[in-house]
Amino acid sequence: MATYKLKKVSLRKVKTGKGVVIMQPSNLYECTLGDDCFVGPFTEIQKGVVVGNNCRIQSHSFICELVTIGDDCFIGHGVMFINDTFSDGKPAGGDHSKWKKTIIGNNVSIGSNATILPVSICHGVVIGAGAVVTKDIKKKGVYVGNPAKRMKGKAGSR
């Protein structure tokens, strides 16, 4: 008969500011959350992640190592951050030197089910639901699609 190790949902060595709410079940370990943050259920935030003040992270999101999120950000349901680009055509296999970082500016909203590869996103950006961000975003605006592109014209129109 096969053996296995069952780990419980947990919070481990999480540094928080004041007024933080974390819904269970969630896995958060060795990360930092600023003041007045909310973390929804079924969320994982990994080692070394830094989340700024006044951020809301909705349920079922995954924030991997090497991610920094600014102040006043919204992370929708099911948002996935990626740090392994499979640069050798396969997973890094535990070689952290192949992982890359992601930096999210202040006042960034990321819609549900978006995927964020290792990029930098400037302040004041909206990422549409389901978008896949594959390149740095250096200009404010609304970005949608796969790969994510800036919408032209006024917000809400193409």
N, C-alpha and C. Protein backbone atom coordinates (compact mmCIF):
# COMPACT_ATOMS: atom_id res chain seq x y z
N MET A 1 0.84 -1.18 0.00
CA MET A 1 0.00 0.00 0.00
C MET A 1 0.89 1.25 0.00
N ALA A 2 0.53 2.23 -0.84
CA ALA A 2 1.29 3.47 -0.94
C ALA A 2 1.16 4.27 0.35
N THR A 3 2.21 5.00 0.68
CA THR A 3 2.14 5.88 1.85
C THR A 3 2.13 7.32 1.38
N TYR A 4 1.61 8.17 2.21
CA TYR A 4 1.56 9.59 1.87
C TYR A 4 1.65 10.40 3.14
N LYS A 5 1.91 11.67 2.95
CA LYS A 5 1.98 12.61 4.06
C LYS A 5 0.87 13.63 3.87
N LEU A 6 0.02 13.77 4.81
CA LEU A 6 -1.09 14.72 4.74
C LEU A 6 -0.71 15.97 5.51
N LYS A 7 -0.70 17.11 4.82
CA LYS A 7 -0.39 18.38 5.47
C LYS A 7 -1.68 19.16 5.64
N LYS A 8 -1.79 19.83 6.77
CA LYS A 8 -2.97 20.64 7.04
C LYS A 8 -2.82 22.01 6.40
N VAL A 9 -3.95 22.62 6.10
CA VAL A 9 -3.97 24.01 5.67
C VAL A 9 -3.37 24.83 6.79
N SER A 10 -2.53 25.80 6.43
CA SER A 10 -1.86 26.48 7.54
C SER A 10 -1.42 27.90 7.21
N LEU A 11 -1.14 28.63 8.26
CA LEU A 11 -0.45 29.90 8.21
C LEU A 11 0.86 29.66 8.94
N ARG A 12 1.98 30.02 8.29
CA ARG A 12 3.28 29.79 8.92
C ARG A 12 4.18 30.99 8.71
N LYS A 13 4.61 31.59 9.80
CA LYS A 13 5.54 32.71 9.77
C LYS A 13 5.06 33.83 8.84
N VAL A 14 3.80 34.20 8.96
CA VAL A 14 3.21 35.28 8.16
C VAL A 14 3.36 36.58 8.95
N LYS A 15 3.94 37.60 8.33
CA LYS A 15 4.05 38.92 8.95
C LYS A 15 2.89 39.76 8.43
N THR A 16 2.15 40.38 9.36
CA THR A 16 1.00 41.18 8.94
C THR A 16 1.01 42.54 9.61
N GLY A 17 0.41 43.49 8.89
CA GLY A 17 0.14 44.79 9.47
C GLY A 17 -1.16 44.71 10.26
N LYS A 18 -1.70 45.87 10.59
CA LYS A 18 -2.94 45.92 11.37
C LYS A 18 -4.15 45.71 10.46
N GLY A 19 -5.21 45.16 11.03
CA GLY A 19 -6.48 45.04 10.32
C GLY A 19 -6.50 44.02 9.19
N VAL A 20 -5.64 43.02 9.22
CA VAL A 20 -5.59 42.00 8.17
C VAL A 20 -6.63 40.92 8.47
N VAL A 21 -7.33 40.48 7.42
CA VAL A 21 -8.31 39.39 7.53
C VAL A 21 -7.88 38.29 6.57
N ILE A 22 -7.75 37.07 7.09
CA ILE A 22 -7.40 35.91 6.27
C ILE A 22 -8.49 34.86 6.47
N MET A 23 -9.16 34.50 5.40
CA MET A 23 -10.22 33.50 5.46
C MET A 23 -9.60 32.12 5.30
N GLN A 24 -10.13 31.17 6.04
CA GLN A 24 -9.65 29.79 5.94
C GLN A 24 -10.64 28.98 5.12
N PRO A 25 -10.23 27.94 4.45
CA PRO A 25 -8.86 27.44 4.42
C PRO A 25 -8.00 28.23 3.44
N SER A 26 -6.78 28.51 3.86
CA SER A 26 -5.77 29.17 3.02
C SER A 26 -4.40 28.68 3.46
N ASN A 27 -3.44 28.71 2.53
CA ASN A 27 -2.04 28.40 2.83
C ASN A 27 -1.24 29.66 2.63
N LEU A 28 -0.70 30.20 3.69
CA LEU A 28 0.18 31.36 3.62
C LEU A 28 1.41 31.03 4.43
N TYR A 29 2.57 31.21 3.85
CA TYR A 29 3.78 30.90 4.60
C TYR A 29 4.91 31.83 4.21
N GLU A 30 5.57 32.33 5.27
CA GLU A 30 6.76 33.17 5.14
C GLU A 30 6.56 34.33 4.16
N CYS A 31 5.38 34.96 4.23
CA CYS A 31 5.06 36.11 3.38
C CYS A 31 4.74 37.31 4.27
N THR A 32 4.58 38.47 3.64
CA THR A 32 4.28 39.70 4.37
C THR A 32 3.05 40.36 3.77
N LEU A 33 2.10 40.70 4.64
CA LEU A 33 0.88 41.40 4.24
C LEU A 33 0.84 42.74 4.95
N GLY A 34 0.62 43.82 4.20
CA GLY A 34 0.54 45.16 4.78
C GLY A 34 -0.75 45.37 5.55
N ASP A 35 -0.95 46.58 6.01
CA ASP A 35 -2.14 46.94 6.77
C ASP A 35 -3.41 46.78 5.95
N ASP A 36 -4.48 46.37 6.64
CA ASP A 36 -5.84 46.36 6.08
C ASP A 36 -5.97 45.52 4.81
N CYS A 37 -5.30 44.39 4.76
CA CYS A 37 -5.42 43.46 3.63
C CYS A 37 -6.48 42.41 3.92
N PHE A 38 -7.07 41.89 2.86
CA PHE A 38 -8.03 40.79 2.94
C PHE A 38 -7.54 39.68 2.04
N VAL A 39 -7.54 38.44 2.55
CA VAL A 39 -7.17 37.27 1.76
C VAL A 39 -8.35 36.30 1.81
N GLY A 40 -8.90 35.99 0.64
CA GLY A 40 -10.04 35.09 0.56
C GLY A 40 -9.66 33.63 0.75
N PRO A 41 -10.67 32.76 0.90
CA PRO A 41 -10.41 31.33 1.14
C PRO A 41 -9.81 30.65 -0.10
N PHE A 42 -9.18 29.52 0.16
CA PHE A 42 -8.58 28.68 -0.89
C PHE A 42 -7.50 29.43 -1.66
N THR A 43 -6.77 30.26 -0.94
CA THR A 43 -5.69 31.06 -1.53
C THR A 43 -4.37 30.55 -1.02
N GLU A 44 -3.34 30.57 -1.89
CA GLU A 44 -1.99 30.24 -1.46
C GLU A 44 -1.08 31.42 -1.75
N ILE A 45 -0.35 31.85 -0.73
CA ILE A 45 0.64 32.91 -0.87
C ILE A 45 1.95 32.35 -0.33
N GLN A 46 2.95 32.28 -1.20
CA GLN A 46 4.18 31.58 -0.87
C GLN A 46 5.26 32.45 -0.24
N LYS A 47 6.32 31.79 0.12
CA LYS A 47 7.49 32.37 0.79
C LYS A 47 8.03 33.59 0.05
N GLY A 48 8.28 34.65 0.81
CA GLY A 48 8.92 35.84 0.26
C GLY A 48 8.00 36.82 -0.44
N VAL A 49 6.75 36.46 -0.64
CA VAL A 49 5.80 37.39 -1.27
C VAL A 49 5.57 38.58 -0.34
N VAL A 50 5.52 39.77 -0.93
CA VAL A 50 5.21 40.99 -0.17
C VAL A 50 3.97 41.62 -0.79
N VAL A 51 2.96 41.82 0.03
CA VAL A 51 1.71 42.46 -0.39
C VAL A 51 1.61 43.78 0.36
N GLY A 52 1.36 44.87 -0.37
CA GLY A 52 1.27 46.20 0.22
C GLY A 52 0.03 46.40 1.06
N ASN A 53 -0.21 47.64 1.44
CA ASN A 53 -1.36 48.01 2.26
C ASN A 53 -2.64 48.07 1.43
N ASN A 54 -3.76 47.81 2.11
CA ASN A 54 -5.11 47.98 1.51
C ASN A 54 -5.31 47.13 0.26
N CYS A 55 -4.84 45.91 0.28
CA CYS A 55 -5.01 45.01 -0.87
C CYS A 55 -6.09 43.98 -0.56
N ARG A 56 -6.76 43.56 -1.62
CA ARG A 56 -7.79 42.53 -1.51
C ARG A 56 -7.43 41.41 -2.46
N ILE A 57 -7.26 40.21 -1.92
CA ILE A 57 -6.93 39.04 -2.72
C ILE A 57 -8.10 38.07 -2.58
N GLN A 58 -8.79 37.85 -3.68
CA GLN A 58 -9.99 37.04 -3.65
C GLN A 58 -9.66 35.54 -3.62
N SER A 59 -10.68 34.74 -3.48
CA SER A 59 -10.53 33.29 -3.31
C SER A 59 -9.86 32.61 -4.50
N HIS A 60 -9.27 31.48 -4.22
CA HIS A 60 -8.70 30.57 -5.21
C HIS A 60 -7.53 31.16 -5.99
N SER A 61 -6.87 32.17 -5.45
CA SER A 61 -5.72 32.76 -6.12
C SER A 61 -4.44 32.11 -5.64
N PHE A 62 -3.41 32.14 -6.51
CA PHE A 62 -2.11 31.54 -6.22
C PHE A 62 -1.05 32.59 -6.48
N ILE A 63 -0.32 32.96 -5.42
CA ILE A 63 0.74 33.95 -5.54
C ILE A 63 2.04 33.27 -5.15
N CYS A 64 2.88 33.02 -6.15
CA CYS A 64 4.10 32.26 -5.94
C CYS A 64 5.25 33.13 -5.45
N GLU A 65 6.33 32.47 -5.07
CA GLU A 65 7.54 33.18 -4.64
C GLU A 65 7.96 34.20 -5.70
N LEU A 66 8.65 35.23 -5.25
CA LEU A 66 9.22 36.30 -6.08
C LEU A 66 8.19 37.29 -6.60
N VAL A 67 7.03 37.37 -5.96
CA VAL A 67 6.01 38.35 -6.35
C VAL A 67 5.94 39.45 -5.29
N THR A 68 5.90 40.69 -5.77
CA THR A 68 5.68 41.86 -4.91
C THR A 68 4.48 42.61 -5.46
N ILE A 69 3.53 42.91 -4.57
CA ILE A 69 2.30 43.60 -4.95
C ILE A 69 2.26 44.92 -4.19
N GLY A 70 2.01 46.02 -4.90
CA GLY A 70 1.98 47.35 -4.30
C GLY A 70 0.77 47.59 -3.42
N ASP A 71 0.55 48.84 -3.08
CA ASP A 71 -0.58 49.25 -2.24
C ASP A 71 -1.86 49.39 -3.07
N ASP A 72 -3.00 49.22 -2.39
CA ASP A 72 -4.32 49.49 -2.97
C ASP A 72 -4.58 48.66 -4.23
N CYS A 73 -4.23 47.38 -4.18
CA CYS A 73 -4.42 46.48 -5.33
C CYS A 73 -5.58 45.52 -5.08
N PHE A 74 -6.18 45.07 -6.17
CA PHE A 74 -7.25 44.08 -6.14
C PHE A 74 -6.81 42.90 -7.00
N ILE A 75 -6.84 41.72 -6.41
CA ILE A 75 -6.51 40.48 -7.13
C ILE A 75 -7.79 39.66 -7.14
N GLY A 76 -8.37 39.45 -8.32
CA GLY A 76 -9.65 38.76 -8.45
C GLY A 76 -9.56 37.27 -8.14
N HIS A 77 -10.72 36.62 -8.22
CA HIS A 77 -10.82 35.19 -7.96
C HIS A 77 -9.98 34.40 -8.98
N GLY A 78 -9.25 33.42 -8.50
CA GLY A 78 -8.56 32.48 -9.37
C GLY A 78 -7.40 33.06 -10.16
N VAL A 79 -6.81 34.15 -9.70
CA VAL A 79 -5.65 34.73 -10.40
C VAL A 79 -4.42 33.88 -10.11
N MET A 80 -3.66 33.58 -11.14
CA MET A 80 -2.46 32.76 -11.01
C MET A 80 -1.22 33.56 -11.39
N PHE A 81 -0.25 33.58 -10.49
CA PHE A 81 1.06 34.18 -10.77
C PHE A 81 2.03 33.04 -11.07
N ILE A 82 2.90 33.24 -12.04
CA ILE A 82 3.85 32.22 -12.48
C ILE A 82 5.27 32.76 -12.30
N ASN A 83 6.18 31.95 -11.77
CA ASN A 83 7.57 32.39 -11.68
C ASN A 83 8.53 31.51 -12.48
N ASP A 84 8.05 30.40 -12.99
CA ASP A 84 8.87 29.47 -13.78
C ASP A 84 8.43 29.57 -15.24
N THR A 85 9.31 30.07 -16.09
CA THR A 85 8.97 30.27 -17.51
C THR A 85 9.28 29.05 -18.37
N PHE A 86 9.70 27.95 -17.76
CA PHE A 86 10.07 26.74 -18.50
C PHE A 86 11.13 27.07 -19.56
N SER A 87 12.11 27.89 -19.17
CA SER A 87 13.13 28.40 -20.10
C SER A 87 13.92 27.30 -20.79
N ASP A 88 13.99 26.12 -20.18
CA ASP A 88 14.68 24.99 -20.80
C ASP A 88 13.71 24.03 -21.47
N GLY A 89 12.47 24.47 -21.66
CA GLY A 89 11.46 23.61 -22.28
C GLY A 89 10.84 22.63 -21.31
N LYS A 90 11.09 22.82 -20.03
CA LYS A 90 10.53 21.95 -19.00
C LYS A 90 10.54 22.71 -17.68
N PRO A 91 9.83 22.19 -16.66
CA PRO A 91 9.86 22.87 -15.36
C PRO A 91 11.28 22.98 -14.82
N ALA A 92 11.51 23.99 -13.99
CA ALA A 92 12.84 24.24 -13.43
C ALA A 92 13.30 23.12 -12.51
N GLY A 93 12.40 22.26 -12.08
CA GLY A 93 12.78 21.11 -11.27
C GLY A 93 13.42 21.49 -9.95
N GLY A 94 12.93 22.57 -9.34
CA GLY A 94 13.46 23.00 -8.05
C GLY A 94 14.65 23.93 -8.14
N ASP A 95 15.12 24.22 -9.36
CA ASP A 95 16.25 25.14 -9.53
C ASP A 95 15.72 26.57 -9.49
N HIS A 96 15.75 27.17 -8.30
CA HIS A 96 15.19 28.51 -8.10
C HIS A 96 15.92 29.58 -8.90
N SER A 97 17.13 29.32 -9.34
CA SER A 97 17.86 30.31 -10.14
C SER A 97 17.19 30.54 -11.50
N LYS A 98 16.32 29.64 -11.91
CA LYS A 98 15.61 29.78 -13.19
C LYS A 98 14.28 30.52 -13.03
N TRP A 99 13.89 30.78 -11.79
CA TRP A 99 12.64 31.51 -11.55
C TRP A 99 12.87 32.99 -11.77
N LYS A 100 11.79 33.70 -12.11
CA LYS A 100 11.86 35.14 -12.35
C LYS A 100 10.82 35.86 -11.48
N LYS A 101 11.09 37.13 -11.20
CA LYS A 101 10.22 37.89 -10.29
C LYS A 101 9.12 38.64 -11.03
N THR A 102 8.10 38.99 -10.27
CA THR A 102 6.98 39.81 -10.75
C THR A 102 6.81 40.97 -9.78
N ILE A 103 6.66 42.17 -10.35
CA ILE A 103 6.44 43.38 -9.57
C ILE A 103 5.14 44.02 -10.04
N ILE A 104 4.20 44.19 -9.10
CA ILE A 104 2.92 44.82 -9.40
C ILE A 104 2.92 46.19 -8.71
N GLY A 105 2.63 47.25 -9.46
CA GLY A 105 2.62 48.60 -8.91
C GLY A 105 1.43 48.85 -8.01
N ASN A 106 1.26 50.10 -7.60
CA ASN A 106 0.12 50.51 -6.77
C ASN A 106 -1.12 50.70 -7.63
N ASN A 107 -2.29 50.55 -7.00
CA ASN A 107 -3.57 50.79 -7.68
C ASN A 107 -3.74 49.94 -8.93
N VAL A 108 -3.39 48.67 -8.83
CA VAL A 108 -3.55 47.73 -9.93
C VAL A 108 -4.70 46.79 -9.59
N SER A 109 -5.59 46.58 -10.55
CA SER A 109 -6.70 45.63 -10.39
C SER A 109 -6.52 44.52 -11.42
N ILE A 110 -6.56 43.29 -10.95
CA ILE A 110 -6.38 42.13 -11.82
C ILE A 110 -7.65 41.30 -11.76
N GLY A 111 -8.31 41.15 -12.92
CA GLY A 111 -9.59 40.45 -12.99
C GLY A 111 -9.47 38.95 -12.79
N SER A 112 -10.60 38.35 -12.47
CA SER A 112 -10.66 36.92 -12.19
C SER A 112 -10.06 36.08 -13.30
N ASN A 113 -9.37 35.02 -12.89
CA ASN A 113 -8.79 34.02 -13.78
C ASN A 113 -7.71 34.55 -14.71
N ALA A 114 -7.15 35.71 -14.40
CA ALA A 114 -6.00 36.20 -15.17
C ALA A 114 -4.77 35.38 -14.78
N THR A 115 -3.82 35.31 -15.70
CA THR A 115 -2.54 34.66 -15.45
C THR A 115 -1.45 35.70 -15.65
N ILE A 116 -0.57 35.82 -14.66
CA ILE A 116 0.47 36.83 -14.69
C ILE A 116 1.82 36.12 -14.71
N LEU A 117 2.51 36.19 -15.86
CA LEU A 117 3.86 35.63 -15.95
C LEU A 117 4.83 36.60 -15.30
N PRO A 118 6.11 36.25 -15.19
CA PRO A 118 7.07 37.16 -14.55
C PRO A 118 7.22 38.46 -15.34
N VAL A 119 6.62 39.52 -14.82
CA VAL A 119 6.59 40.83 -15.49
C VAL A 119 6.62 41.93 -14.44
N SER A 120 6.73 43.16 -14.91
CA SER A 120 6.50 44.35 -14.09
C SER A 120 5.27 45.04 -14.65
N ILE A 121 4.39 45.45 -13.74
CA ILE A 121 3.17 46.17 -14.13
C ILE A 121 3.21 47.51 -13.40
N CYS A 122 3.12 48.61 -14.15
CA CYS A 122 3.20 49.95 -13.55
C CYS A 122 1.95 50.27 -12.74
N HIS A 123 1.97 51.39 -12.05
CA HIS A 123 0.84 51.85 -11.25
C HIS A 123 -0.37 52.13 -12.15
N GLY A 124 -1.57 51.95 -11.59
CA GLY A 124 -2.79 52.39 -12.24
C GLY A 124 -3.25 51.57 -13.42
N VAL A 125 -3.03 50.28 -13.38
CA VAL A 125 -3.39 49.39 -14.50
C VAL A 125 -4.57 48.51 -14.10
N VAL A 126 -5.44 48.22 -15.07
CA VAL A 126 -6.50 47.24 -14.91
C VAL A 126 -6.23 46.10 -15.88
N ILE A 127 -6.21 44.88 -15.35
CA ILE A 127 -6.04 43.68 -16.16
C ILE A 127 -7.40 43.00 -16.22
N GLY A 128 -7.92 42.78 -17.42
CA GLY A 128 -9.24 42.18 -17.58
C GLY A 128 -9.28 40.72 -17.17
N ALA A 129 -10.48 40.26 -16.85
CA ALA A 129 -10.69 38.86 -16.48
C ALA A 129 -10.19 37.94 -17.57
N GLY A 130 -9.47 36.91 -17.20
CA GLY A 130 -8.99 35.91 -18.14
C GLY A 130 -7.78 36.32 -18.95
N ALA A 131 -7.28 37.53 -18.77
CA ALA A 131 -6.12 37.99 -19.54
C ALA A 131 -4.88 37.20 -19.15
N VAL A 132 -3.94 37.13 -20.10
CA VAL A 132 -2.65 36.49 -19.85
C VAL A 132 -1.58 37.55 -20.10
N VAL A 133 -0.92 37.98 -19.02
CA VAL A 133 0.09 39.04 -19.13
C VAL A 133 1.45 38.39 -19.33
N THR A 134 2.03 38.61 -20.52
CA THR A 134 3.28 37.95 -20.90
C THR A 134 4.45 38.92 -20.99
N LYS A 135 4.16 40.24 -20.98
CA LYS A 135 5.20 41.25 -21.13
C LYS A 135 4.99 42.36 -20.12
N ASP A 136 6.07 43.09 -19.81
CA ASP A 136 5.97 44.22 -18.90
C ASP A 136 4.92 45.21 -19.40
N ILE A 137 4.21 45.82 -18.46
CA ILE A 137 3.24 46.87 -18.77
C ILE A 137 3.79 48.16 -18.17
N LYS A 138 4.09 49.12 -19.05
CA LYS A 138 4.76 50.35 -18.63
C LYS A 138 3.87 51.58 -18.74
N LYS A 139 2.63 51.41 -19.21
CA LYS A 139 1.73 52.53 -19.44
C LYS A 139 0.37 52.22 -18.80
N LYS A 140 -0.18 53.18 -18.04
CA LYS A 140 -1.50 53.01 -17.44
C LYS A 140 -2.52 52.65 -18.50
N GLY A 141 -3.55 51.92 -18.10
CA GLY A 141 -4.62 51.59 -19.02
C GLY A 141 -5.30 50.29 -18.64
N VAL A 142 -6.17 49.86 -19.53
CA VAL A 142 -6.90 48.61 -19.37
C VAL A 142 -6.33 47.62 -20.38
N TYR A 143 -5.94 46.44 -19.89
CA TYR A 143 -5.31 45.41 -20.73
C TYR A 143 -6.17 44.16 -20.71
N VAL A 144 -6.43 43.61 -21.90
CA VAL A 144 -7.30 42.44 -22.02
C VAL A 144 -6.71 41.46 -23.03
N GLY A 145 -7.16 40.22 -22.95
CA GLY A 145 -6.84 39.22 -23.97
C GLY A 145 -5.65 38.34 -23.64
N ASN A 146 -5.34 37.48 -24.62
CA ASN A 146 -4.23 36.54 -24.52
C ASN A 146 -3.45 36.55 -25.83
N PRO A 147 -2.26 37.17 -25.83
CA PRO A 147 -1.64 37.88 -24.72
C PRO A 147 -2.32 39.22 -24.47
N ALA A 148 -2.20 39.71 -23.25
CA ALA A 148 -2.87 40.96 -22.87
C ALA A 148 -2.34 42.13 -23.68
N LYS A 149 -3.28 42.94 -24.20
CA LYS A 149 -2.94 44.14 -24.97
C LYS A 149 -3.76 45.30 -24.42
N ARG A 150 -3.21 46.50 -24.55
CA ARG A 150 -3.87 47.70 -24.05
C ARG A 150 -5.07 48.03 -24.94
N MET A 151 -6.20 48.30 -24.30
CA MET A 151 -7.39 48.72 -25.04
C MET A 151 -7.16 50.13 -25.54
N LYS A 152 -7.59 50.42 -26.73
CA LYS A 152 -7.45 51.75 -27.31
C LYS A 152 -8.64 52.61 -26.93
N GLY A 153 -8.48 53.92 -26.95
CA GLY A 153 -9.59 54.82 -26.68
C GLY A 153 -9.88 54.95 -25.21
N LYS A 154 -11.08 55.40 -24.89
CA LYS A 154 -11.49 55.61 -23.50
C LYS A 154 -11.67 54.28 -22.80
N ALA A 155 -11.51 54.31 -21.48
CA ALA A 155 -11.72 53.10 -20.69
C ALA A 155 -13.10 52.55 -20.98
N GLY A 156 -13.18 51.25 -21.18
CA GLY A 156 -14.46 50.60 -21.43
C GLY A 156 -14.82 50.51 -22.90
N SER A 157 -14.02 51.10 -23.80
CA SER A 157 -14.30 50.97 -25.23
C SER A 157 -13.06 50.49 -25.95
N ARG A 158 -13.22 50.01 -27.17
CA ARG A 158 -12.06 49.52 -27.94
C ARG A 158 -11.76 50.42 -29.08
